[in-house]
Amino acid sequence: MKAKWTPYAQRQRKETARYIATVFGRKAAGNFHRNIREWVASIVRNPCIGLREPLMTERPEGFRSVVVHRNCKLVYYVDGDTVYVADVWDTRREPLIQADNIK
């Protein structure tokens, strides 16, 4: 399996890292990037590791999510032999709005 990031997910990841770097420093932003890479590698090895995302059960993609930090969640789906990272959610924000942002 391989992993691909959607353009939207890439933007969200960069915005989150920028926020972390501004508020908590560059070292924390580096830790965030490393943690994300490790989780994506785990998902590629075992795509069913995440739970079905309850807010998106009606969607045909079969979205799943994993909490990668108490304030951050990766939302992804599997299509064939590819894991698509669809979004990086800030768990402190309104989840219904974030679910609607995924196209």
PDB file of N, CA and C in Angstrom:
ATOM      1  N   MET A   1       0.840  -1.192   0.000  1.00  0.00           N
ATOM      2  CA  MET A   1       0.000   0.000   0.000  1.00  0.00           C
ATOM      3  C   MET A   1       0.874   1.240   0.000  1.00  0.00           C
ATOM      4  N   LYS A   2       0.265   2.314  -0.466  1.00  0.00           N
ATOM      5  CA  LYS A   2       0.942   3.609  -0.453  1.00  0.00           C
ATOM      6  C   LYS A   2      -0.017   4.658   0.092  1.00  0.00           C
ATOM      7  N   ALA A   3       0.521   5.782   0.473  1.00  0.00           N
ATOM      8  CA  ALA A   3      -0.297   6.873   1.020  1.00  0.00           C
ATOM      9  C   ALA A   3      -0.234   8.072   0.092  1.00  0.00           C
ATOM     10  N   LYS A   4      -1.377   8.729  -0.063  1.00  0.00           N
ATOM     11  CA  LYS A   4      -1.465   9.981  -0.817  1.00  0.00           C
ATOM     12  C   LYS A   4      -2.255  10.969   0.010  1.00  0.00           C
ATOM     13  N   TRP A   5      -1.802  12.192  -0.003  1.00  0.00           N
ATOM     14  CA  TRP A   5      -2.496  13.272   0.684  1.00  0.00           C
ATOM     15  C   TRP A   5      -3.337  14.036  -0.310  1.00  0.00           C
ATOM     16  N   THR A   6      -4.583  14.322   0.042  1.00  0.00           N
ATOM     17  CA  THR A   6      -5.396  15.191  -0.802  1.00  0.00           C
ATOM     18  C   THR A   6      -4.854  16.614  -0.660  1.00  0.00           C
ATOM     19  N   PRO A   7      -5.056  17.452  -1.662  1.00  0.00           N
ATOM     20  CA  PRO A   7      -4.587  18.842  -1.545  1.00  0.00           C
ATOM     21  C   PRO A   7      -5.152  19.548  -0.308  1.00  0.00           C
ATOM     22  N   TYR A   8      -6.416  19.281  -0.002  1.00  0.00           N
ATOM     23  CA  TYR A   8      -7.029  19.900   1.177  1.00  0.00           C
ATOM     24  C   TYR A   8      -6.318  19.456   2.458  1.00  0.00           C
ATOM     25  N   ALA A   9      -6.030  18.165   2.566  1.00  0.00           N
ATOM     26  CA  ALA A   9      -5.345  17.647   3.752  1.00  0.00           C
ATOM     27  C   ALA A   9      -3.947  18.237   3.875  1.00  0.00           C
ATOM     28  N   GLN A  10      -3.263  18.403   2.759  1.00  0.00           N
ATOM     29  CA  GLN A  10      -1.933  19.009   2.793  1.00  0.00           C
ATOM     30  C   GLN A  10      -1.998  20.436   3.326  1.00  0.00           C
ATOM     31  N   ARG A  11      -2.987  21.196   2.862  1.00  0.00           N
ATOM     32  CA  ARG A  11      -3.151  22.572   3.357  1.00  0.00           C
ATOM     33  C   ARG A  11      -3.428  22.589   4.856  1.00  0.00           C
ATOM     34  N   GLN A  12      -4.310  21.694   5.304  1.00  0.00           N
ATOM     35  CA  GLN A  12      -4.649  21.641   6.721  1.00  0.00           C
ATOM     36  C   GLN A  12      -3.433  21.260   7.567  1.00  0.00           C
ATOM     37  N   ARG A  13      -2.646  20.311   7.074  1.00  0.00           N
ATOM     38  CA  ARG A  13      -1.434  19.904   7.792  1.00  0.00           C
ATOM     39  C   ARG A  13      -0.467  21.073   7.916  1.00  0.00           C
ATOM     40  N   LYS A  14      -0.265  21.809   6.823  1.00  0.00           N
ATOM     41  CA  LYS A  14       0.647  22.950   6.843  1.00  0.00           C
ATOM     42  C   LYS A  14       0.142  24.051   7.762  1.00  0.00           C
ATOM     43  N   GLU A  15      -1.165  24.331   7.712  1.00  0.00           N
ATOM     44  CA  GLU A  15      -1.728  25.361   8.589  1.00  0.00           C
ATOM     45  C   GLU A  15      -1.582  24.974  10.060  1.00  0.00           C
ATOM     46  N   THR A  16      -1.818  23.706  10.367  1.00  0.00           N
ATOM     47  CA  THR A  16      -1.684  23.231  11.745  1.00  0.00           C
ATOM     48  C   THR A  16      -0.238  23.337  12.200  1.00  0.00           C
ATOM     49  N   ALA A  17       0.696  22.922  11.344  1.00  0.00           N
ATOM     50  CA  ALA A  17       2.122  23.004  11.695  1.00  0.00           C
ATOM     51  C   ALA A  17       2.552  24.453  11.886  1.00  0.00           C
ATOM     52  N   ARG A  18       2.051  25.341  11.048  1.00  0.00           N
ATOM     53  CA  ARG A  18       2.383  26.768  11.176  1.00  0.00           C
ATOM     54  C   ARG A  18       1.876  27.314  12.508  1.00  0.00           C
ATOM     55  N   TYR A  19       0.660  26.937  12.874  1.00  0.00           N
ATOM     56  CA  TYR A  19       0.100  27.373  14.154  1.00  0.00           C
ATOM     57  C   TYR A  19       0.943  26.841  15.317  1.00  0.00           C
ATOM     58  N   ILE A  20       1.285  25.567  15.259  1.00  0.00           N
ATOM     59  CA  ILE A  20       2.090  24.961  16.326  1.00  0.00           C
ATOM     60  C   ILE A  20       3.437  25.664  16.431  1.00  0.00           C
ATOM     61  N   ALA A  21       4.062  25.947  15.298  1.00  0.00           N
ATOM     62  CA  ALA A  21       5.372  26.621  15.316  1.00  0.00           C
ATOM     63  C   ALA A  21       5.261  28.017  15.913  1.00  0.00           C
ATOM     64  N   THR A  22       4.186  28.713  15.597  1.00  0.00           N
ATOM     65  CA  THR A  22       4.002  30.074  16.112  1.00  0.00           C
ATOM     66  C   THR A  22       3.743  30.076  17.615  1.00  0.00           C
ATOM     67  N   VAL A  23       2.892  29.169  18.069  1.00  0.00           N
ATOM     68  CA  VAL A  23       2.483  29.180  19.470  1.00  0.00           C
ATOM     69  C   VAL A  23       3.449  28.399  20.367  1.00  0.00           C
ATOM     70  N   PHE A  24       3.931  27.255  19.884  1.00  0.00           N
ATOM     71  CA  PHE A  24       4.718  26.367  20.733  1.00  0.00           C
ATOM     72  C   PHE A  24       6.175  26.225  20.313  1.00  0.00           C
ATOM     73  N   GLY A  25       6.530  26.728  19.148  1.00  0.00           N
ATOM     74  CA  GLY A  25       7.915  26.688  18.709  1.00  0.00           C
ATOM     75  C   GLY A  25       8.168  25.665  17.599  1.00  0.00           C
ATOM     76  N   ARG A  26       9.335  25.821  16.979  1.00  0.00           N
ATOM     77  CA  ARG A  26       9.697  24.971  15.837  1.00  0.00           C
ATOM     78  C   ARG A  26       9.891  23.519  16.225  1.00  0.00           C
ATOM     79  N   LYS A  27      10.417  23.287  17.420  1.00  0.00           N
ATOM     80  CA  LYS A  27      10.628  21.910  17.858  1.00  0.00           C
ATOM     81  C   LYS A  27       9.292  21.170  17.957  1.00  0.00           C
ATOM     82  N   ALA A  28       8.287  21.819  18.502  1.00  0.00           N
ATOM     83  CA  ALA A  28       6.956  21.212  18.603  1.00  0.00           C
ATOM     84  C   ALA A  28       6.375  20.949  17.218  1.00  0.00           C
ATOM     85  N   ALA A  29       6.595  21.868  16.276  1.00  0.00           N
ATOM     86  CA  ALA A  29       6.111  21.661  14.903  1.00  0.00           C
ATOM     87  C   ALA A  29       6.824  20.469  14.265  1.00  0.00           C
ATOM     88  N   GLY A  30       8.117  20.327  14.520  1.00  0.00           N
ATOM     89  CA  GLY A  30       8.860  19.168  14.016  1.00  0.00           C
ATOM     90  C   GLY A  30       8.322  17.873  14.605  1.00  0.00           C
ATOM     91  N   ASN A  31       8.013  17.894  15.897  1.00  0.00           N
ATOM     92  CA  ASN A  31       7.425  16.712  16.538  1.00  0.00           C
ATOM     93  C   ASN A  31       6.066  16.375  15.929  1.00  0.00           C
ATOM     94  N   PHE A  32       5.297  17.399  15.609  1.00  0.00           N
ATOM     95  CA  PHE A  32       4.003  17.197  14.960  1.00  0.00           C
ATOM     96  C   PHE A  32       4.184  16.489  13.620  1.00  0.00           C
ATOM     97  N   HIS A  33       5.118  16.976  12.802  1.00  0.00           N
ATOM     98  CA  HIS A  33       5.370  16.353  11.495  1.00  0.00           C
ATOM     99  C   HIS A  33       5.821  14.900  11.647  1.00  0.00           C
ATOM    100  N   ARG A  34       6.711  14.653  12.580  1.00  0.00           N
ATOM    101  CA  ARG A  34       7.208  13.286  12.803  1.00  0.00           C
ATOM    102  C   ARG A  34       6.068  12.362  13.248  1.00  0.00           C
ATOM    103  N   ASN A  35       5.248  12.841  14.151  1.00  0.00           N
ATOM    104  CA  ASN A  35       4.122  12.061  14.648  1.00  0.00           C
ATOM    105  C   ASN A  35       3.144  11.728  13.519  1.00  0.00           C
ATOM    106  N   ILE A  36       2.861  12.691  12.663  1.00  0.00           N
ATOM    107  CA  ILE A  36       1.971  12.468  11.524  1.00  0.00           C
ATOM    108  C   ILE A  36       2.564  11.411  10.593  1.00  0.00           C
ATOM    109  N   ARG A  37       3.854  11.534  10.270  1.00  0.00           N
ATOM    110  CA  ARG A  37       4.503  10.549   9.387  1.00  0.00           C
ATOM    111  C   ARG A  37       4.426   9.145   9.968  1.00  0.00           C
ATOM    112  N   GLU A  38       4.650   9.024  11.272  1.00  0.00           N
ATOM    113  CA  GLU A  38       4.595   7.712  11.917  1.00  0.00           C
ATOM    114  C   GLU A  38       3.185   7.128  11.852  1.00  0.00           C
ATOM    115  N   TRP A  39       2.174   7.947  12.081  1.00  0.00           N
ATOM    116  CA  TRP A  39       0.800   7.460  12.019  1.00  0.00           C
ATOM    117  C   TRP A  39       0.409   7.056  10.609  1.00  0.00           C
ATOM    118  N   VAL A  40       0.819   7.830   9.619  1.00  0.00           N
ATOM    119  CA  VAL A  40       0.498   7.475   8.235  1.00  0.00           C
ATOM    120  C   VAL A  40       1.166   6.151   7.873  1.00  0.00           C
ATOM    121  N   ALA A  41       2.401   5.960   8.313  1.00  0.00           N
ATOM    122  CA  ALA A  41       3.083   4.680   8.062  1.00  0.00           C
ATOM    123  C   ALA A  41       2.331   3.525   8.729  1.00  0.00           C
ATOM    124  N   SER A  42       1.831   3.740   9.930  1.00  0.00           N
ATOM    125  CA  SER A  42       1.050   2.706  10.617  1.00  0.00           C
ATOM    126  C   SER A  42      -0.246   2.403   9.873  1.00  0.00           C
ATOM    127  N   ILE A  43      -0.891   3.443   9.378  1.00  0.00           N
ATOM    128  CA  ILE A  43      -2.135   3.254   8.633  1.00  0.00           C
ATOM    129  C   ILE A  43      -1.872   2.480   7.342  1.00  0.00           C
ATOM    130  N   VAL A  44      -0.774   2.776   6.678  1.00  0.00           N
ATOM    131  CA  VAL A  44      -0.432   2.061   5.443  1.00  0.00           C
ATOM    132  C   VAL A  44      -0.225   0.576   5.728  1.00  0.00           C
ATOM    133  N   ARG A  45       0.423   0.273   6.848  1.00  0.00           N
ATOM    134  CA  ARG A  45       0.650  -1.136   7.217  1.00  0.00           C
ATOM    135  C   ARG A  45      -0.647  -1.830   7.629  1.00  0.00           C
ATOM    136  N   ASN A  46      -1.535  -1.096   8.281  1.00  0.00           N
ATOM    137  CA  ASN A  46      -2.785  -1.668   8.765  1.00  0.00           C
ATOM    138  C   ASN A  46      -3.912  -0.651   8.557  1.00  0.00           C
ATOM    139  N   PRO A  47      -4.529  -0.637   7.367  1.00  0.00           N
ATOM    140  CA  PRO A  47      -5.505   0.402   7.043  1.00  0.00           C
ATOM    141  C   PRO A  47      -6.758   0.395   7.913  1.00  0.00           C
ATOM    142  N   CYS A  48      -7.045  -0.692   8.579  1.00  0.00           N
ATOM    143  CA  CYS A  48      -8.244  -0.750   9.426  1.00  0.00           C
ATOM    144  C   CYS A  48      -7.964  -0.318  10.857  1.00  0.00           C
ATOM    145  N   ILE A  49      -6.797   0.257  11.101  1.00  0.00           N
ATOM    146  CA  ILE A  49      -6.423   0.670  12.456  1.00  0.00           C
ATOM    147  C   ILE A  49      -7.358   1.759  12.988  1.00  0.00           C
ATOM    148  N   GLY A  50      -7.842   2.623  12.104  1.00  0.00           N
ATOM    149  CA  GLY A  50      -8.721   3.704  12.524  1.00  0.00           C
ATOM    150  C   GLY A  50     -10.165   3.255  12.634  1.00  0.00           C
ATOM    151  N   LEU A  51     -10.894   3.965  13.450  1.00  0.00           N
ATOM    152  CA  LEU A  51     -12.324   3.694  13.600  1.00  0.00           C
ATOM    153  C   LEU A  51     -13.086   4.387  12.482  1.00  0.00           C
ATOM    154  N   ARG A  52     -14.231   3.810  12.121  1.00  0.00           N
ATOM    155  CA  ARG A  52     -15.100   4.483  11.149  1.00  0.00           C
ATOM    156  C   ARG A  52     -15.478   5.844  11.723  1.00  0.00           C
ATOM    157  N   GLU A  53     -15.369   6.857  10.892  1.00  0.00           N
ATOM    158  CA  GLU A  53     -15.681   8.212  11.352  1.00  0.00           C
ATOM    159  C   GLU A  53     -17.201   8.354  11.452  1.00  0.00           C
ATOM    160  N   PRO A  54     -17.742   8.493  12.681  1.00  0.00           N
ATOM    161  CA  PRO A  54     -19.189   8.487  12.875  1.00  0.00           C
ATOM    162  C   PRO A  54     -19.937   9.605  12.145  1.00  0.00           C
ATOM    163  N   LEU A  55     -19.295  10.728  11.926  1.00  0.00           N
ATOM    164  CA  LEU A  55     -19.966  11.839  11.257  1.00  0.00           C
ATOM    165  C   LEU A  55     -20.040  11.668   9.745  1.00  0.00           C
ATOM    166  N   MET A  56     -19.379  10.618   9.232  1.00  0.00           N
ATOM    167  CA  MET A  56     -19.303  10.462   7.781  1.00  0.00           C
ATOM    168  C   MET A  56     -19.694   9.049   7.342  1.00  0.00           C
ATOM    169  N   THR A  57     -20.544   8.388   8.105  1.00  0.00           N
ATOM    170  CA  THR A  57     -20.916   7.007   7.790  1.00  0.00           C
ATOM    171  C   THR A  57     -21.740   6.894   6.517  1.00  0.00           C
ATOM    172  N   GLU A  58     -22.435   7.952   6.139  1.00  0.00           N
ATOM    173  CA  GLU A  58     -23.272   7.892   4.942  1.00  0.00           C
ATOM    174  C   GLU A  58     -22.477   8.049   3.648  1.00  0.00           C
ATOM    175  N   ARG A  59     -21.229   8.432   3.759  1.00  0.00           N
ATOM    176  CA  ARG A  59     -20.402   8.627   2.567  1.00  0.00           C
ATOM    177  C   ARG A  59     -19.851   7.301   2.061  1.00  0.00           C
ATOM    178  N   PRO A  60     -19.777   7.138   0.758  1.00  0.00           N
ATOM    179  CA  PRO A  60     -19.350   5.843   0.196  1.00  0.00           C
ATOM    180  C   PRO A  60     -17.863   5.534   0.372  1.00  0.00           C
ATOM    181  N   GLU A  61     -17.035   6.519   0.659  1.00  0.00           N
ATOM    182  CA  GLU A  61     -15.591   6.291   0.768  1.00  0.00           C
ATOM    183  C   GLU A  61     -15.210   5.425   1.962  1.00  0.00           C
ATOM    184  N   GLY A  62     -16.042   5.388   2.985  1.00  0.00           N
ATOM    185  CA  GLY A  62     -15.710   4.626   4.191  1.00  0.00           C
ATOM    186  C   GLY A  62     -14.633   5.308   5.009  1.00  0.00           C
ATOM    187  N   PHE A  63     -14.836   6.573   5.321  1.00  0.00           N
ATOM    188  CA  PHE A  63     -13.838   7.351   6.061  1.00  0.00           C
ATOM    189  C   PHE A  63     -13.562   6.732   7.426  1.00  0.00           C
ATOM    190  N   ARG A  64     -12.293   6.756   7.798  1.00  0.00           N
ATOM    191  CA  ARG A  64     -11.835   6.317   9.106  1.00  0.00           C
ATOM    192  C   ARG A  64     -10.985   7.433   9.696  1.00  0.00           C
ATOM    193  N   SER A  65     -10.748   7.363  11.002  1.00  0.00           N
ATOM    194  CA  SER A  65      -9.911   8.385  11.624  1.00  0.00           C
ATOM    195  C   SER A  65      -9.110   7.793  12.770  1.00  0.00           C
ATOM    196  N   VAL A  66      -7.980   8.429  13.028  1.00  0.00           N
ATOM    197  CA  VAL A  66      -7.140   8.088  14.181  1.00  0.00           C
ATOM    198  C   VAL A  66      -6.773   9.387  14.880  1.00  0.00           C
ATOM    199  N   VAL A  67      -6.775   9.354  16.188  1.00  0.00           N
ATOM    200  CA  VAL A  67      -6.357  10.506  16.975  1.00  0.00           C
ATOM    201  C   VAL A  67      -4.841  10.437  17.088  1.00  0.00           C
ATOM    202  N   VAL A  68      -4.168  11.439  16.517  1.00  0.00           N
ATOM    203  CA  VAL A  68      -2.708  11.445  16.521  1.00  0.00           C
ATOM    204  C   VAL A  68      -2.146  12.329  17.631  1.00  0.00           C
ATOM    205  N   HIS A  69      -3.014  13.108  18.232  1.00  0.00           N
ATOM    206  CA  HIS A  69      -2.671  13.969  19.359  1.00  0.00           C
ATOM    207  C   HIS A  69      -4.007  14.358  19.976  1.00  0.00           C
ATOM    208  N   ARG A  70      -4.005  14.763  21.213  1.00  0.00           N
ATOM    209  CA  ARG A  70      -5.287  15.066  21.847  1.00  0.00           C
ATOM    210  C   ARG A  70      -6.051  16.170  21.116  1.00  0.00           C
ATOM    211  N   ASN A  71      -5.346  16.977  20.326  1.00  0.00           N
ATOM    212  CA  ASN A  71      -5.995  18.054  19.581  1.00  0.00           C
ATOM    213  C   ASN A  71      -5.984  17.840  18.075  1.00  0.00           C
ATOM    214  N   CYS A  72      -5.627  16.647  17.622  1.00  0.00           N
ATOM    215  CA  CYS A  72      -5.472  16.439  16.192  1.00  0.00           C
ATOM    216  C   CYS A  72      -5.889  15.026  15.788  1.00  0.00           C
ATOM    217  N   LYS A  73      -6.607  14.946  14.691  1.00  0.00           N
ATOM    218  CA  LYS A  73      -7.124  13.683  14.198  1.00  0.00           C
ATOM    219  C   LYS A  73      -6.876  13.601  12.692  1.00  0.00           C
ATOM    220  N   LEU A  74      -6.403  12.446  12.224  1.00  0.00           N
ATOM    221  CA  LEU A  74      -6.246  12.206  10.788  1.00  0.00           C
ATOM    222  C   LEU A  74      -7.486  11.499  10.268  1.00  0.00           C
ATOM    223  N   VAL A  75      -8.059  12.002   9.202  1.00  0.00           N
ATOM    224  CA  VAL A  75      -9.216  11.382   8.568  1.00  0.00           C
ATOM    225  C   VAL A  75      -8.740  10.844   7.225  1.00  0.00           C
ATOM    226  N   TYR A  76      -9.044   9.574   6.958  1.00  0.00           N
ATOM    227  CA  TYR A  76      -8.547   8.942   5.739  1.00  0.00           C
ATOM    228  C   TYR A  76      -9.554   7.929   5.212  1.00  0.00           C
ATOM    229  N   TYR A  77      -9.303   7.469   3.987  1.00  0.00           N
ATOM    230  CA  TYR A  77     -10.075   6.374   3.415  1.00  0.00           C
ATOM    231  C   TYR A  77      -9.154   5.547   2.537  1.00  0.00           C
ATOM    232  N   VAL A  78      -9.573   4.340   2.255  1.00  0.00           N
ATOM    233  CA  VAL A  78      -8.768   3.418   1.458  1.00  0.00           C
ATOM    234  C   VAL A  78      -9.491   3.164   0.145  1.00  0.00           C
ATOM    235  N   ASP A  79      -8.746   3.247  -0.941  1.00  0.00           N
ATOM    236  CA  ASP A  79      -9.286   2.930  -2.261  1.00  0.00           C
ATOM    237  C   ASP A  79      -8.253   2.072  -2.978  1.00  0.00           C
ATOM    238  N   GLY A  80      -8.578   0.804  -3.161  1.00  0.00           N
ATOM    239  CA  GLY A  80      -7.631  -0.124  -3.787  1.00  0.00           C
ATOM    240  C   GLY A  80      -6.433  -0.337  -2.893  1.00  0.00           C
ATOM    241  N   ASP A  81      -5.253  -0.048  -3.416  1.00  0.00           N
ATOM    242  CA  ASP A  81      -4.029  -0.222  -2.633  1.00  0.00           C
ATOM    243  C   ASP A  81      -3.463   1.118  -2.155  1.00  0.00           C
ATOM    244  N   THR A  82      -4.335   2.134  -2.067  1.00  0.00           N
ATOM    245  CA  THR A  82      -3.888   3.462  -1.662  1.00  0.00           C
ATOM    246  C   THR A  82      -4.704   3.968  -0.472  1.00  0.00           C
ATOM    247  N   VAL A  83      -3.985   4.516   0.493  1.00  0.00           N
ATOM    248  CA  VAL A  83      -4.616   5.204   1.627  1.00  0.00           C
ATOM    249  C   VAL A  83      -4.592   6.692   1.297  1.00  0.00           C
ATOM    250  N   TYR A  84      -5.764   7.304   1.262  1.00  0.00           N
ATOM    251  CA  TYR A  84      -5.876   8.737   0.992  1.00  0.00           C
ATOM    252  C   TYR A  84      -6.123   9.471   2.303  1.00  0.00           C
ATOM    253  N   VAL A  85      -5.191  10.335   2.680  1.00  0.00           N
ATOM    254  CA  VAL A  85      -5.384  11.173   3.857  1.00  0.00           C
ATOM    255  C   VAL A  85      -6.235  12.344   3.390  1.00  0.00           C
ATOM    256  N   ALA A  86      -7.455  12.431   3.932  1.00  0.00           N
ATOM    257  CA  ALA A  86      -8.429  13.408   3.465  1.00  0.00           C
ATOM    258  C   ALA A  86      -8.403  14.717   4.244  1.00  0.00           C
ATOM    259  N   ASP A  87      -8.023  14.651   5.526  1.00  0.00           N
ATOM    260  CA  ASP A  87      -8.055  15.867   6.332  1.00  0.00           C
ATOM    261  C   ASP A  87      -7.271  15.670   7.617  1.00  0.00           C
ATOM    262  N   VAL A  88      -6.861  16.782   8.188  1.00  0.00           N
ATOM    263  CA  VAL A  88      -6.267  16.833   9.524  1.00  0.00           C
ATOM    264  C   VAL A  88      -7.212  17.710  10.334  1.00  0.00           C
ATOM    265  N   TRP A  89      -7.915  17.082  11.277  1.00  0.00           N
ATOM    266  CA  TRP A  89      -8.910  17.812  12.065  1.00  0.00           C
ATOM    267  C   TRP A  89      -8.313  18.324  13.358  1.00  0.00           C
ATOM    268  N   ASP A  90      -8.664  19.550  13.683  1.00  0.00           N
ATOM    269  CA  ASP A  90      -8.396  20.108  15.003  1.00  0.00           C
ATOM    270  C   ASP A  90      -9.584  19.678  15.859  1.00  0.00           C
ATOM    271  N   THR A  91      -9.361  18.813  16.815  1.00  0.00           N
ATOM    272  CA  THR A  91     -10.462  18.245  17.597  1.00  0.00           C
ATOM    273  C   THR A  91     -11.138  19.268  18.508  1.00  0.00           C
ATOM    274  N   ARG A  92     -10.587  20.462  18.597  1.00  0.00           N
ATOM    275  CA  ARG A  92     -11.215  21.510  19.409  1.00  0.00           C
ATOM    276  C   ARG A  92     -12.263  22.285  18.617  1.00  0.00           C
ATOM    277  N   ARG A  93     -12.289  22.084  17.308  1.00  0.00           N
ATOM    278  CA  ARG A  93     -13.236  22.805  16.455  1.00  0.00           C
ATOM    279  C   ARG A  93     -14.511  21.998  16.250  1.00  0.00           C
ATOM    280  N   GLU A  94     -15.515  22.633  15.697  1.00  0.00           N
ATOM    281  CA  GLU A  94     -16.811  22.009  15.453  1.00  0.00           C
ATOM    282  C   GLU A  94     -16.657  20.865  14.446  1.00  0.00           C
ATOM    283  N   PRO A  95     -16.928  19.628  14.859  1.00  0.00           N
ATOM    284  CA  PRO A  95     -16.703  18.482  13.969  1.00  0.00           C
ATOM    285  C   PRO A  95     -17.622  18.437  12.753  1.00  0.00           C
ATOM    286  N   LEU A  96     -18.853  18.881  12.872  1.00  0.00           N
ATOM    287  CA  LEU A  96     -19.769  18.842  11.727  1.00  0.00           C
ATOM    288  C   LEU A  96     -19.285  19.753  10.598  1.00  0.00           C
ATOM    289  N   ILE A  97     -18.753  20.901  10.950  1.00  0.00           N
ATOM    290  CA  ILE A  97     -18.223  21.829   9.944  1.00  0.00           C
ATOM    291  C   ILE A  97     -17.008  21.203   9.266  1.00  0.00           C
ATOM    292  N   GLN A  98     -16.145  20.573  10.044  1.00  0.00           N
ATOM    293  CA  GLN A  98     -14.952  19.949   9.464  1.00  0.00           C
ATOM    294  C   GLN A  98     -15.341  18.792   8.542  1.00  0.00           C
ATOM    295  N   ALA A  99     -16.340  18.025   8.924  1.00  0.00           N
ATOM    296  CA  ALA A  99     -16.794  16.912   8.077  1.00  0.00           C
ATOM    297  C   ALA A  99     -17.342  17.443   6.759  1.00  0.00           C
ATOM    298  N   ASP A 100     -18.044  18.561   6.795  1.00  0.00           N
ATOM    299  CA  ASP A 100     -18.593  19.152   5.565  1.00  0.00           C
ATOM    300  C   ASP A 100     -17.510  19.693   4.650  1.00  0.00           C
ATOM    301  N   ASN A 101     -16.338  20.032   5.196  1.00  0.00           N
ATOM    302  CA  ASN A 101     -15.252  20.570   4.381  1.00  0.00           C
ATOM    303  C   ASN A 101     -14.596  19.521   3.496  1.00  0.00           C
ATOM    304  N   ILE A 102     -14.745  18.263   3.819  1.00  0.00           N
ATOM    305  CA  ILE A 102     -14.129  17.202   3.021  1.00  0.00           C
ATOM    306  C   ILE A 102     -15.000  16.949   1.804  1.00  0.00           C
ATOM    307  N   LYS A 103     -14.418  17.126   0.656  1.00  0.00           N
ATOM    308  CA  LYS A 103     -15.163  16.943  -0.610  1.00  0.00           C
ATOM    309  C   LYS A 103     -14.805  15.615  -1.231  1.00  0.00           C
TER     310      LYS A 103
END
